[in-house]
Amino acid sequence: MTEAYVYVDFGAVRIQQYLTRTPGLRGHRAASNSLARATADASIEGLLGGLAEVNPEAGKADGVVSVRFPAAGTADRSEREQRVRQVQDGVFAHLRKALPGAEFASVWGEGESYLAVHAQVLQPKLRTGRVRHDLPPVAEFPLAVPCRMCHTDPAAGSEPVPEGRLALCLDCSMRNVSRRETVTDPRSPEGQLLEDIGLKPAPEDFASLAALGTAATGRNHLATVAVDGNAFGAFFTALADEGSREVELSKAKGTVSEALSAATRTALADAALDLSLAMEVERLCLVPHVVGGDDVLVSLPAEQAWRFTLTFLQEFEHRVSEATADTLDTLNRLRTGRGLDELEAPTASAGVVFAHASHPLNLLVESAGQRLSEAKRAYGGRRASVQWLDITADGPEAPAHPPLELSVLRTGDGRETATAAALSQLVTVPASHLARLTEALHGSGPLTAAALAHRVGHLDAVRPFLPPLDQLDRPGQEPVCGVGLGAALNLARWWPCA
């Protein structure tokens, strides 16, 4: 008979907003590294004593902790609840010490399989708010000097920083101390990536990161890329449902979760190494803020963003498809036998935001999250897709162009699609002419834009993004390559030259 366990999960709440509460890259890196160190298995094991153990059935993700203890070790529910609270007290105290300004939540449940408990107990509790929260302490003295770094919490003291000496809150003090530690710590997202690819660390600040770009781009723009998996919830829910009927599937959650984390990190390493700029300067040309499970958040020079995003989504889809193939075959055999639709291998979608290097990262993260949601919503969270926004050119509002499927821009085997080839031709048009085309399109429509392109000798570059020329004056006509001229001109601002 399978042994029942009590599972206790912990997670940082609104982690991306927390990481970006300070304006400088050093502070973001320090908080990200501290989060990774604090939630590492080795750190958690040392404080649990005999109360619990790190849950071997759960996957690995920065900012997430999962522990368990045998249900048989407690006489009744009240004793289990008391033990859960002891475990929560210990882990919360550890996390609070490491990350003074973060918010944490914990949820627990019991059963014979973490997969089933997570799907049937923990997730419903999270959705309905039946969790235990651990919040940062409130200011005891409301007239205290505010922190001069984050301007969020009251200052706890004055410390030397690269810019001089500032009054800092407890959380910014942690970031200030941690920034002095090397970014090559293998427990941090950046340290793990450096270990995987063997390049020198990325620059120390956003301006220097943007300066890695080419002179033609001004060397002053960055892209923020947010990635999240598609349909993993449906996949794991189906795995939990069928796992009760198939022993093979009941044991698959831990294996698949680890494979998912590995797919994320491998895809990140592949995409980082695929950047031409990285090979040219022989250093990491992006900064990973969040890497865990199927979530990724990075900053990198704007001109490298499209190549990175497309490579990551393609590699992630390929790795996840390989990792889940056998499990998916078994799942679909059982589902088909019960008259249910077959599942496809999960994928990922991305939100990309371009902006000046001085633009606040917290606003960029929020905008990238919105673009990511638009991409997922456009395809029902079932297809690898991407949505983007250029804040410098278009402002902070949502774009008018629809999100695109990955397959429109990159084939499954990595080859350039017809649309991507057409974009590569479009970016050879001088920037001043592209700007005039944009004005003509927005002012008078595609017919005027086509006439202008013909007059200046660039009609061939524009033609794929227009309807057939004899239908230009008819509203609602589809462009030849499936991407409209407005979206193409928007893409072309940062599309890499062939």
Protein backbone atom coordinates (compact mmCIF):
# COMPACT_ATOMS: atom_id res chain seq x y z
CA MET A 1 0.00 0.00 0.00
CA THR A 2 1.34 3.46 -0.95
CA GLU A 3 2.37 5.64 1.98
CA ALA A 4 0.41 8.86 2.49
CA TYR A 5 2.26 12.13 3.01
CA VAL A 6 1.45 15.64 4.17
CA TYR A 7 2.74 18.08 1.55
CA VAL A 8 3.54 21.71 2.44
CA ASP A 9 4.31 24.17 -0.36
CA PHE A 10 5.75 27.68 -0.10
CA GLY A 11 6.05 30.37 -2.74
CA ALA A 12 6.98 34.01 -3.13
CA VAL A 13 3.96 36.13 -4.08
CA ARG A 14 4.22 38.56 -7.03
CA ILE A 15 7.86 37.67 -7.29
CA GLN A 16 8.62 39.64 -10.45
CA GLN A 17 7.27 42.85 -8.93
CA TYR A 18 9.31 42.21 -5.79
CA LEU A 19 12.54 41.64 -7.68
CA THR A 20 12.09 44.87 -9.64
CA ARG A 21 11.25 47.18 -6.73
CA THR A 22 14.73 48.74 -6.92
CA PRO A 23 15.76 50.75 -10.01
CA GLY A 24 19.25 49.39 -10.62
CA LEU A 25 20.36 46.11 -12.16
CA ARG A 26 22.63 45.36 -9.20
CA GLY A 27 19.63 45.31 -6.84
CA HIS A 28 17.62 43.04 -9.13
CA ARG A 29 20.51 40.61 -9.44
CA ALA A 30 21.11 40.59 -5.70
CA ALA A 31 17.47 39.81 -4.89
CA SER A 32 17.28 37.15 -7.59
CA ASN A 33 20.43 35.48 -6.31
CA SER A 34 19.23 35.64 -2.68
CA LEU A 35 15.90 34.10 -3.67
CA ALA A 36 17.63 31.22 -5.46
CA ARG A 37 19.96 30.58 -2.54
CA ALA A 38 17.21 30.78 0.09
CA THR A 39 14.92 28.32 -1.73
CA ALA A 40 17.63 25.84 -2.74
CA ASP A 41 17.13 22.29 -1.42
CA ALA A 42 20.36 22.42 0.59
CA SER A 43 19.25 25.59 2.38
CA ILE A 44 15.84 24.14 3.26
CA GLU A 45 17.11 20.73 4.38
CA GLY A 46 19.34 22.34 6.99
CA LEU A 47 16.46 23.98 8.86
CA LEU A 48 13.78 21.25 8.79
CA GLY A 49 15.38 19.02 11.40
CA GLY A 50 13.20 15.93 11.80
CA LEU A 51 9.94 17.74 11.07
CA ALA A 52 9.93 17.18 7.30
CA GLU A 53 12.05 16.53 4.22
CA VAL A 54 12.42 18.28 0.87
CA ASN A 55 9.73 16.85 -1.39
CA PRO A 56 11.44 14.61 -4.02
CA GLU A 57 8.21 14.45 -6.05
CA ALA A 58 8.21 18.18 -6.88
CA GLY A 59 10.17 19.90 -9.60
CA LYS A 60 12.77 22.62 -9.12
CA ALA A 61 11.93 26.31 -9.45
CA ASP A 62 13.51 29.40 -7.90
CA GLY A 63 11.22 30.96 -5.31
CA VAL A 64 9.29 27.75 -4.65
CA VAL A 65 9.76 25.30 -1.78
CA SER A 66 7.96 21.98 -1.34
CA VAL A 67 8.42 19.70 1.68
CA ARG A 68 6.64 16.64 3.04
CA PHE A 69 6.37 14.34 6.06
CA PRO A 70 4.61 10.95 6.51
CA ALA A 71 0.99 11.31 7.52
CA ALA A 72 1.38 8.17 9.63
CA GLY A 73 3.80 10.04 11.86
CA THR A 74 0.94 12.06 13.36
CA ALA A 75 -1.94 10.63 15.37
CA ASP A 76 -4.77 12.83 14.10
CA ARG A 77 -5.54 15.90 11.99
CA SER A 78 -4.96 18.37 14.82
CA GLU A 79 -1.48 16.95 15.36
CA ARG A 80 -0.80 17.15 11.61
CA GLU A 81 -1.97 20.76 11.55
CA GLN A 82 0.31 21.59 14.48
CA ARG A 83 3.27 19.99 12.71
CA VAL A 84 2.45 21.84 9.50
CA ARG A 85 2.46 25.10 11.43
CA GLN A 86 5.85 24.30 12.95
CA VAL A 87 7.22 23.60 9.47
CA GLN A 88 5.70 26.82 8.14
CA ASP A 89 7.08 28.85 11.04
CA GLY A 90 10.61 27.56 10.38
CA VAL A 91 10.56 28.02 6.60
CA PHE A 92 8.89 31.44 6.80
CA ALA A 93 11.49 32.65 9.32
CA HIS A 94 14.29 31.46 7.03
CA LEU A 95 12.78 33.12 3.96
CA ARG A 96 12.02 36.35 5.81
CA LYS A 97 15.62 36.63 7.01
CA ALA A 98 16.92 36.13 3.46
CA LEU A 99 14.34 38.37 1.73
CA PRO A 100 13.04 40.97 4.21
CA GLY A 101 10.68 42.76 1.81
CA ALA A 102 9.09 39.79 0.01
CA GLU A 103 5.63 38.33 0.57
CA PHE A 104 5.26 34.57 0.97
CA ALA A 105 2.35 32.12 1.04
CA SER A 106 2.05 28.49 2.08
CA VAL A 107 -0.56 25.82 1.43
CA TRP A 108 -0.76 22.18 2.48
CA GLY A 109 -2.64 18.97 1.81
CA GLU A 110 -2.29 15.22 2.27
CA GLY A 111 -2.52 12.15 0.08
CA GLU A 112 -0.60 9.29 -1.50
CA SER A 113 0.75 11.29 -4.45
CA TYR A 114 2.02 14.87 -4.73
CA LEU A 115 0.68 14.98 -8.27
CA ALA A 116 -2.88 14.26 -7.11
CA VAL A 117 -2.65 16.45 -3.99
CA HIS A 118 -1.28 19.36 -5.99
CA ALA A 119 -4.06 19.18 -8.59
CA GLN A 120 -6.95 18.33 -6.28
CA VAL A 121 -6.06 20.16 -3.03
CA LEU A 122 -3.21 22.66 -3.27
CA GLN A 123 -4.22 24.40 -6.51
CA PRO A 124 -7.89 24.82 -5.46
CA LYS A 125 -6.72 26.28 -2.13
CA LEU A 126 -4.46 28.73 -3.94
CA ARG A 127 -7.23 29.79 -6.30
CA THR A 128 -9.66 30.44 -3.45
CA GLY A 129 -7.12 32.13 -1.17
CA ARG A 130 -7.11 29.44 1.54
CA VAL A 131 -3.42 29.94 2.27
CA ARG A 132 -1.24 31.14 5.10
CA HIS A 133 0.53 34.41 4.28
CA ASP A 134 3.75 35.81 5.69
CA LEU A 135 3.99 39.55 5.12
CA PRO A 136 6.89 41.98 5.61
CA PRO A 137 6.71 43.87 8.91
CA VAL A 138 4.93 47.23 8.81
CA ALA A 139 6.69 50.43 9.79
CA GLU A 140 6.48 51.00 13.55
CA PHE A 141 7.37 54.67 13.20
CA PRO A 142 5.42 56.28 10.34
CA LEU A 143 7.64 59.37 10.19
CA ALA A 144 10.81 57.34 9.59
CA VAL A 145 13.03 58.35 6.66
CA PRO A 146 11.97 56.39 3.55
CA CYS A 147 14.47 54.08 1.89
CA ARG A 148 16.45 56.07 -0.68
CA MET A 149 16.79 53.08 -3.00
CA CYS A 150 13.30 51.55 -3.32
CA HIS A 151 11.22 54.37 -1.76
CA THR A 152 8.87 51.64 -0.48
CA ASP A 153 9.82 50.84 3.12
CA PRO A 154 11.30 52.98 5.90
CA ALA A 155 15.07 53.12 6.15
CA ALA A 156 16.72 51.00 8.82
CA GLY A 157 20.18 52.51 8.58
CA SER A 158 22.75 54.20 6.36
CA GLU A 159 25.19 52.20 4.23
CA PRO A 160 27.86 52.81 1.59
CA VAL A 161 26.67 52.10 -1.98
CA PRO A 162 28.44 52.61 -5.33
CA GLU A 163 26.85 56.06 -5.64
CA GLY A 164 27.89 57.19 -2.15
CA ARG A 165 26.03 56.58 1.13
CA LEU A 166 22.26 56.03 1.36
CA ALA A 167 19.60 55.34 3.98
CA LEU A 168 18.33 51.84 3.15
CA CYS A 169 15.47 49.61 4.30
CA LEU A 170 16.20 46.05 5.43
CA ASP A 171 15.45 44.57 2.01
CA CYS A 172 17.64 47.05 0.11
CA SER A 173 20.35 46.51 2.71
CA MET A 174 20.22 42.81 1.84
CA ARG A 175 20.50 43.67 -1.84
CA ASN A 176 23.37 46.04 -1.16
CA VAL A 177 25.32 43.35 0.70
CA SER A 178 24.44 40.61 -1.80
CA ARG A 179 25.52 42.69 -4.80
CA ARG A 180 29.10 42.37 -3.59
CA GLU A 181 28.87 38.61 -3.95
CA THR A 182 29.85 37.21 -7.32
CA VAL A 183 27.08 36.66 -9.90
CA THR A 184 28.77 33.36 -10.72
CA ASP A 185 27.25 31.73 -7.61
CA PRO A 186 25.97 28.47 -9.18
CA ARG A 187 22.76 28.67 -7.12
CA SER A 188 21.68 31.89 -8.82
CA PRO A 189 19.90 32.00 -12.22
CA GLU A 190 22.80 33.87 -13.81
CA GLY A 191 25.41 31.68 -12.13
CA GLN A 192 23.74 28.50 -13.39
CA LEU A 193 23.55 29.92 -16.90
CA LEU A 194 27.21 30.96 -16.85
CA GLU A 195 28.11 27.48 -15.65
CA ASP A 196 26.17 25.99 -18.57
CA ILE A 197 27.61 28.15 -21.36
CA GLY A 198 31.06 29.17 -20.11
CA LEU A 199 30.99 32.88 -21.00
CA LYS A 200 31.99 35.92 -18.96
CA PRO A 201 29.24 37.55 -16.83
CA ALA A 202 26.89 40.18 -18.25
CA PRO A 203 27.57 43.88 -17.56
CA GLU A 204 26.92 45.48 -14.17
CA ASP A 205 24.14 47.89 -15.16
CA PHE A 206 21.41 48.37 -17.76
CA ALA A 207 23.22 51.13 -19.65
CA SER A 208 26.28 48.90 -20.10
CA LEU A 209 24.08 45.99 -21.15
CA ALA A 210 22.40 48.13 -23.81
CA ALA A 211 25.81 49.43 -24.93
CA LEU A 212 26.72 45.93 -26.10
CA GLY A 213 24.49 46.56 -29.11
CA THR A 214 25.68 47.86 -32.45
CA ALA A 215 26.18 51.53 -33.20
CA ALA A 216 23.34 51.43 -35.74
CA THR A 217 20.84 50.82 -32.92
CA GLY A 218 22.08 53.67 -30.74
CA ARG A 219 23.33 51.24 -28.07
CA ASN A 220 20.74 52.56 -25.64
CA HIS A 221 17.73 50.21 -25.90
CA LEU A 222 16.89 47.01 -24.07
CA ALA A 223 14.22 44.36 -24.46
CA THR A 224 12.41 42.69 -21.58
CA VAL A 225 11.22 39.18 -22.44
CA ALA A 226 8.70 37.30 -20.28
CA VAL A 227 8.02 33.62 -21.07
CA ASP A 228 5.47 31.23 -19.61
CA GLY A 229 4.41 27.70 -20.50
CA ASN A 230 1.17 26.88 -22.32
CA ALA A 231 -1.26 24.18 -21.19
CA PHE A 232 0.92 22.77 -18.42
CA GLY A 233 -1.99 23.04 -16.01
CA ALA A 234 -4.20 20.92 -18.28
CA PHE A 235 -1.36 18.45 -18.79
CA PHE A 236 -0.69 17.94 -15.08
CA THR A 237 -4.40 17.83 -14.24
CA ALA A 238 -4.86 15.04 -16.79
CA LEU A 239 -1.78 13.34 -15.38
CA ALA A 240 -3.31 13.47 -11.89
CA ASP A 241 -6.68 12.15 -13.11
CA GLU A 242 -5.22 9.24 -15.05
CA GLY A 243 -2.53 8.58 -12.45
CA SER A 244 -5.16 7.11 -10.15
CA ARG A 245 -5.76 4.42 -12.79
CA GLU A 246 -2.22 3.86 -14.02
CA VAL A 247 0.69 3.24 -11.62
CA GLU A 248 3.17 4.31 -14.30
CA LEU A 249 1.57 7.74 -14.53
CA SER A 250 1.23 8.20 -10.77
CA LYS A 251 5.03 8.23 -10.54
CA ALA A 252 5.56 10.52 -13.52
CA LYS A 253 4.98 13.93 -11.90
CA GLY A 254 8.40 14.27 -10.32
CA THR A 255 10.18 13.05 -13.44
CA VAL A 256 8.21 15.32 -15.75
CA SER A 257 8.59 18.33 -13.44
CA GLU A 258 12.36 17.87 -13.35
CA ALA A 259 12.41 17.46 -17.13
CA LEU A 260 10.39 20.67 -17.46
CA SER A 261 12.86 22.62 -15.33
CA ALA A 262 15.73 21.12 -17.34
CA ALA A 263 14.01 22.07 -20.61
CA THR A 264 13.68 25.66 -19.43
CA ARG A 265 17.33 25.97 -18.46
CA THR A 266 18.58 24.16 -21.58
CA ALA A 267 16.45 26.33 -23.85
CA LEU A 268 17.77 29.42 -22.07
CA ALA A 269 21.38 28.29 -22.52
CA ASP A 270 20.79 27.46 -26.20
CA ALA A 271 19.11 30.82 -26.85
CA ALA A 272 21.88 32.73 -25.01
CA LEU A 273 24.58 30.98 -27.03
CA ASP A 274 22.68 31.52 -30.28
CA LEU A 275 23.06 35.30 -29.97
CA SER A 276 25.61 36.59 -32.48
CA LEU A 277 26.54 39.34 -30.06
CA ALA A 278 27.47 36.84 -27.34
CA MET A 279 29.96 35.14 -29.64
CA GLU A 280 31.34 38.49 -30.78
CA VAL A 281 32.05 39.88 -27.29
CA GLU A 282 32.54 36.45 -25.63
CA ARG A 283 30.30 37.25 -22.69
CA LEU A 284 26.74 36.69 -21.54
CA CYS A 285 24.58 39.29 -23.30
CA LEU A 286 21.46 38.94 -21.20
CA VAL A 287 20.52 39.07 -17.53
CA PRO A 288 18.10 36.39 -16.27
CA HIS A 289 15.89 37.82 -13.52
CA VAL A 290 13.63 34.76 -13.07
CA VAL A 291 14.29 31.20 -14.23
CA GLY A 292 12.18 28.42 -12.77
CA GLY A 293 9.65 25.82 -13.82
CA ASP A 294 8.26 27.15 -17.10
CA ASP A 295 8.78 30.85 -16.22
CA VAL A 296 11.59 33.03 -17.56
CA LEU A 297 12.19 36.78 -17.37
CA VAL A 298 15.29 38.31 -18.98
CA SER A 299 16.71 41.65 -20.12
CA LEU A 300 19.00 41.93 -23.16
CA PRO A 301 20.05 44.39 -25.89
CA ALA A 302 17.01 45.21 -28.03
CA GLU A 303 18.54 44.08 -31.32
CA GLN A 304 19.07 40.57 -29.93
CA ALA A 305 15.54 40.08 -28.60
CA TRP A 306 13.84 38.47 -31.59
CA ARG A 307 16.58 35.92 -32.16
CA PHE A 308 16.61 35.05 -28.45
CA THR A 309 12.82 34.78 -28.16
CA LEU A 310 12.30 32.62 -31.24
CA THR A 311 15.20 30.32 -30.38
CA PHE A 312 14.03 29.92 -26.79
CA LEU A 313 10.42 29.11 -27.75
CA GLN A 314 11.54 26.64 -30.41
CA GLU A 315 14.09 24.87 -28.18
CA PHE A 316 11.69 24.78 -25.24
CA GLU A 317 8.96 23.21 -27.36
CA HIS A 318 11.41 20.64 -28.73
CA ARG A 319 12.82 19.71 -25.30
CA VAL A 320 9.40 19.48 -23.63
CA SER A 321 8.05 17.38 -26.51
CA GLU A 322 10.93 14.93 -26.07
CA ALA A 323 10.58 14.84 -22.28
CA THR A 324 6.82 14.23 -22.27
CA ALA A 325 6.51 11.92 -25.32
CA ASP A 326 6.17 8.60 -23.45
CA THR A 327 3.95 10.05 -20.72
CA LEU A 328 1.77 11.75 -23.31
CA ASP A 329 1.39 8.52 -25.31
CA THR A 330 0.20 6.68 -22.20
CA LEU A 331 -2.10 9.56 -21.22
CA ASN A 332 -3.71 9.76 -24.64
CA ARG A 333 -4.17 5.99 -24.86
CA LEU A 334 -6.18 6.11 -21.65
CA ARG A 335 -8.07 9.26 -22.63
CA THR A 336 -8.97 7.93 -26.07
CA GLY A 337 -10.30 4.76 -24.48
CA ARG A 338 -12.64 6.90 -22.38
CA GLY A 339 -13.76 9.09 -25.27
CA LEU A 340 -11.69 12.17 -24.28
CA ASP A 341 -9.73 14.43 -26.61
CA GLU A 342 -6.03 13.79 -27.00
CA LEU A 343 -3.56 16.21 -25.42
CA GLU A 344 -0.68 17.84 -27.28
CA ALA A 345 2.76 18.46 -25.83
CA PRO A 346 2.85 21.76 -23.88
CA THR A 347 4.58 24.78 -25.43
CA ALA A 348 5.42 28.33 -24.28
CA SER A 349 4.52 31.89 -25.24
CA ALA A 350 6.38 35.16 -24.83
CA GLY A 351 5.80 38.87 -24.28
CA VAL A 352 8.54 41.21 -25.56
CA VAL A 353 8.83 44.91 -24.70
CA PHE A 354 11.42 47.28 -26.18
CA ALA A 355 12.35 50.50 -24.38
CA HIS A 356 15.19 52.87 -23.58
CA ALA A 357 17.70 51.46 -21.11
CA SER A 358 16.63 54.06 -18.53
CA HIS A 359 12.97 52.94 -18.52
CA PRO A 360 12.00 51.54 -15.07
CA LEU A 361 12.22 47.77 -15.04
CA ASN A 362 9.11 47.36 -12.87
CA LEU A 363 7.03 49.03 -15.61
CA LEU A 364 8.70 46.92 -18.29
CA VAL A 365 7.99 43.72 -16.37
CA GLU A 366 4.34 44.69 -15.99
CA SER A 367 4.05 45.51 -19.70
CA ALA A 368 5.83 42.30 -20.77
CA GLY A 369 3.41 40.34 -18.59
CA GLN A 370 0.48 42.02 -20.32
CA ARG A 371 1.91 41.21 -23.75
CA LEU A 372 2.44 37.61 -22.63
CA SER A 373 -1.19 37.36 -21.52
CA GLU A 374 -2.32 38.71 -24.90
CA ALA A 375 -0.22 36.12 -26.73
CA LYS A 376 -1.60 33.25 -24.65
CA ARG A 377 -5.18 34.50 -24.88
CA ALA A 378 -5.04 34.87 -28.68
CA TYR A 379 -4.38 31.14 -29.12
CA GLY A 380 -6.19 29.81 -26.09
CA GLY A 381 -2.91 28.98 -24.35
CA ARG A 382 -2.40 26.09 -26.80
CA ARG A 383 0.11 27.41 -29.33
CA ALA A 384 3.59 28.88 -29.00
CA SER A 385 3.04 32.57 -29.69
CA VAL A 386 4.47 36.02 -29.10
CA GLN A 387 3.22 39.57 -28.64
CA TRP A 388 5.42 42.66 -28.55
CA LEU A 389 5.49 46.40 -27.92
CA ASP A 390 8.01 49.14 -28.68
CA ILE A 391 7.45 51.75 -25.98
CA THR A 392 9.84 54.28 -27.54
CA ALA A 393 8.04 54.23 -30.89
CA ASP A 394 4.45 53.48 -29.88
CA GLY A 395 4.11 54.53 -26.25
CA PRO A 396 3.07 52.31 -23.33
CA GLU A 397 -0.38 51.35 -24.69
CA ALA A 398 -1.28 47.89 -25.96
CA PRO A 399 -0.41 47.31 -29.64
CA ALA A 400 -3.06 47.23 -32.36
CA HIS A 401 -1.43 44.30 -34.19
CA PRO A 402 -2.43 40.73 -33.24
CA PRO A 403 0.00 38.30 -31.61
CA LEU A 404 1.80 35.86 -33.90
CA GLU A 405 2.26 32.12 -33.70
CA LEU A 406 5.84 30.96 -33.49
CA SER A 407 5.29 28.92 -36.65
CA VAL A 408 4.81 32.16 -38.64
CA LEU A 409 8.37 33.27 -37.85
CA ARG A 410 10.31 30.04 -37.28
CA THR A 411 9.80 26.50 -38.59
CA GLY A 412 9.93 23.49 -36.29
CA ASP A 413 13.43 22.58 -37.48
CA GLY A 414 14.73 26.13 -37.05
CA ARG A 415 14.57 27.30 -40.66
CA GLU A 416 13.44 30.78 -41.68
CA THR A 417 9.81 31.00 -42.79
CA ALA A 418 8.63 33.00 -45.80
CA THR A 419 7.41 35.69 -43.41
CA ALA A 420 10.76 35.87 -41.63
CA ALA A 421 12.57 36.05 -44.98
CA ALA A 422 10.27 38.90 -46.04
CA LEU A 423 11.05 40.72 -42.76
CA SER A 424 14.76 40.29 -43.38
CA GLN A 425 14.26 42.00 -46.74
CA LEU A 426 12.10 44.74 -45.22
CA VAL A 427 14.79 45.75 -42.72
CA THR A 428 17.16 46.52 -45.60
CA VAL A 429 14.93 49.50 -46.46
CA PRO A 430 16.43 52.70 -44.94
CA ALA A 431 14.94 53.60 -41.57
CA SER A 432 13.77 56.97 -42.86
CA HIS A 433 11.73 55.28 -45.59
CA LEU A 434 10.25 52.81 -43.11
CA ALA A 435 9.17 55.76 -40.96
CA ARG A 436 7.50 57.40 -44.00
CA LEU A 437 5.74 54.13 -44.82
CA THR A 438 4.43 53.95 -41.26
CA GLU A 439 3.07 57.49 -41.49
CA ALA A 440 1.44 56.79 -44.86
CA LEU A 441 -0.13 53.56 -43.63
CA HIS A 442 -1.55 55.15 -40.47
CA GLY A 443 -2.63 58.29 -42.29
CA SER A 444 -4.23 57.04 -45.51
CA GLY A 445 -4.07 53.23 -45.56
CA PRO A 446 -2.29 50.45 -47.50
CA LEU A 447 -3.00 51.85 -50.96
CA THR A 448 -1.10 55.07 -50.19
CA ALA A 449 1.70 53.11 -48.49
CA ALA A 450 2.03 50.86 -51.54
CA ALA A 451 2.16 53.88 -53.85
CA LEU A 452 4.87 55.47 -51.71
CA ALA A 453 6.89 52.21 -51.64
CA HIS A 454 6.63 51.99 -55.44
CA ARG A 455 7.74 55.59 -55.86
CA VAL A 456 10.89 55.16 -53.75
CA GLY A 457 11.71 51.74 -55.21
CA HIS A 458 10.85 49.48 -52.26
CA LEU A 459 7.59 47.90 -53.38
CA ASP A 460 9.14 44.42 -53.56
CA ALA A 461 10.09 44.65 -49.86
CA VAL A 462 6.59 45.77 -48.89
CA ARG A 463 4.49 43.59 -51.21
CA PRO A 464 4.42 40.40 -49.00
CA PHE A 465 2.73 42.36 -46.20
CA LEU A 466 -0.03 43.75 -48.42
CA PRO A 467 -3.07 42.09 -49.97
CA PRO A 468 -2.81 41.34 -53.72
CA LEU A 469 -2.27 44.71 -55.40
CA ASP A 470 -5.60 44.54 -57.24
CA GLN A 471 -7.37 44.23 -53.88
CA LEU A 472 -5.65 47.02 -51.94
CA ASP A 473 -8.72 49.24 -52.01
CA ARG A 474 -10.96 46.52 -50.59
CA PRO A 475 -11.21 46.52 -46.78
CA GLY A 476 -10.58 43.31 -44.83
CA GLN A 477 -8.29 41.63 -47.39
CA GLU A 478 -5.58 39.34 -45.98
CA PRO A 479 -1.91 40.16 -46.65
CA VAL A 480 0.01 37.76 -48.87
CA CYS A 481 2.24 36.39 -46.09
CA GLY A 482 -0.37 36.53 -43.30
CA VAL A 483 1.25 39.46 -41.48
CA GLY A 484 -0.07 42.96 -42.16
CA LEU A 485 2.15 45.86 -43.10
CA GLY A 486 1.54 47.65 -39.79
CA ALA A 487 2.77 44.67 -37.77
CA ALA A 488 5.67 44.11 -40.20
CA LEU A 489 6.88 47.70 -39.90
CA ASN A 490 6.63 47.37 -36.13
CA LEU A 491 8.61 44.12 -36.17
CA ALA A 492 11.21 45.60 -38.50
CA ARG A 493 12.34 48.18 -35.93
CA TRP A 494 14.30 45.52 -34.06
CA TRP A 495 14.28 42.58 -36.47
CA PRO A 496 17.86 41.30 -36.95
CA CYS A 497 19.47 41.94 -40.32
CA ALA A 498 20.15 38.79 -42.31
